Amino acid sequence: MNFEKELNEKQYEAVTTSYPNVRIIAGAGSGKTRVLTYRIAYLISELGVKPWKILAITFTNKVANEMKNRVVRMIPESEKDLTTRLPLYF
């Protein structure tokens, strides 16, 4: 997978950063879901991180499921190890 070819410069920087924790805050339509999805795929495919050791938080189940589906399209063998959880309300 050619991450540099498929992302703009800032997106690529966020996806491939060496920092262990990344928080993406940006406006609507700026590619947040894309960056988070590619970050997950990068961690799994390039750095060998196990999917169950990755925590990605979104505001809706719809986005969580969309991200999971995108990662599975990029890395089909990850499907059995990716899960989404319903939100907890306190």
Protein backbone atom coordinates (compact mmCIF):
# COMPACT_ATOMS: atom_id res chain seq x y z
CA MET A 1 0.00 0.00 0.00
CA ASN A 2 1.47 3.36 -1.03
CA PHE A 3 0.39 5.69 1.79
CA GLU A 4 2.36 8.68 0.48
CA LYS A 5 0.68 8.47 -2.94
CA GLU A 6 -2.85 8.27 -1.51
CA LEU A 7 -2.66 11.06 1.09
CA ASN A 8 -1.83 14.73 1.05
CA GLU A 9 1.27 15.93 2.92
CA LYS A 10 -0.43 16.69 6.27
CA GLN A 11 -2.49 13.50 6.16
CA TYR A 12 0.63 11.46 5.43
CA GLU A 13 2.43 13.14 8.32
CA ALA A 14 -0.40 12.25 10.73
CA VAL A 15 -0.63 8.67 9.48
CA THR A 16 3.10 7.91 9.65
CA THR A 17 4.14 9.89 12.73
CA SER A 18 6.34 8.07 15.22
CA TYR A 19 4.33 9.41 18.15
CA PRO A 20 2.44 6.52 19.80
CA ASN A 21 -0.74 8.53 20.35
CA VAL A 22 -2.36 10.74 17.74
CA ARG A 23 -5.38 13.02 18.13
CA ILE A 24 -6.97 14.29 14.93
CA ILE A 25 -9.04 17.46 15.25
CA ALA A 26 -10.22 19.11 12.05
CA GLY A 27 -13.28 20.57 10.38
CA ALA A 28 -15.98 18.78 8.42
CA GLY A 29 -14.83 17.29 5.14
CA SER A 30 -11.13 17.61 5.92
CA GLY A 31 -10.38 13.87 5.83
CA LYS A 32 -10.39 12.91 9.53
CA THR A 33 -11.98 9.52 8.91
CA ARG A 34 -9.55 8.88 6.07
CA VAL A 35 -6.56 9.76 8.25
CA LEU A 36 -7.73 7.60 11.15
CA THR A 37 -8.46 4.69 8.81
CA TYR A 38 -5.08 4.95 7.12
CA ARG A 39 -3.35 5.33 10.50
CA ILE A 40 -4.91 2.06 11.65
CA ALA A 41 -3.93 0.34 8.40
CA TYR A 42 -0.39 1.76 8.68
CA LEU A 43 0.01 0.54 12.25
CA ILE A 44 -1.14 -2.96 11.29
CA SER A 45 0.59 -3.37 7.92
CA GLU A 46 3.78 -1.36 8.33
CA LEU A 47 4.53 -1.48 12.06
CA GLY A 48 3.06 -4.88 12.90
CA VAL A 49 0.75 -3.61 15.64
CA LYS A 50 -1.94 -6.13 16.52
CA PRO A 51 -5.43 -4.76 15.72
CA TRP A 52 -6.73 -5.47 19.22
CA LYS A 53 -4.05 -3.12 20.63
CA ILE A 54 -5.37 -0.11 18.71
CA LEU A 55 -7.99 2.21 20.17
CA ALA A 56 -9.74 4.57 17.76
CA ILE A 57 -12.56 6.69 19.11
CA THR A 58 -15.29 8.24 16.99
CA PHE A 59 -18.50 10.04 17.85
CA THR A 60 -20.87 7.70 16.04
CA ASN A 61 -21.28 3.99 15.42
CA LYS A 62 -21.81 4.75 11.74
CA VAL A 63 -18.31 6.21 11.45
CA ALA A 64 -16.81 3.40 13.53
CA ASN A 65 -18.32 0.80 11.22
CA GLU A 66 -17.25 2.74 8.12
CA MET A 67 -13.68 2.90 9.42
CA LYS A 68 -13.67 -0.82 10.16
CA ASN A 69 -14.98 -1.59 6.65
CA ARG A 70 -12.33 0.63 5.05
CA VAL A 71 -9.51 -1.02 7.00
CA VAL A 72 -10.83 -4.46 6.04
CA ARG A 73 -10.86 -3.42 2.36
CA MET A 74 -7.18 -2.38 2.71
CA ILE A 75 -6.15 -5.34 4.89
CA PRO A 76 -8.68 -8.18 4.39
CA GLU A 77 -6.96 -10.50 6.88
CA SER A 78 -7.60 -8.00 9.70
CA GLU A 79 -11.38 -8.50 9.65
CA LYS A 80 -11.48 -11.16 12.37
CA ASP A 81 -9.42 -8.98 14.73
CA LEU A 82 -11.25 -5.65 14.31
CA THR A 83 -14.26 -4.84 16.46
CA THR A 84 -16.47 -1.87 17.17
CA ARG A 85 -18.04 -1.19 20.53
CA LEU A 86 -21.22 0.59 21.43
CA PRO A 87 -20.72 3.80 23.40
CA LEU A 88 -21.03 3.78 27.16
CA TYR A 89 -23.19 6.45 28.73
CA PHE A 90 -22.77 7.59 32.32
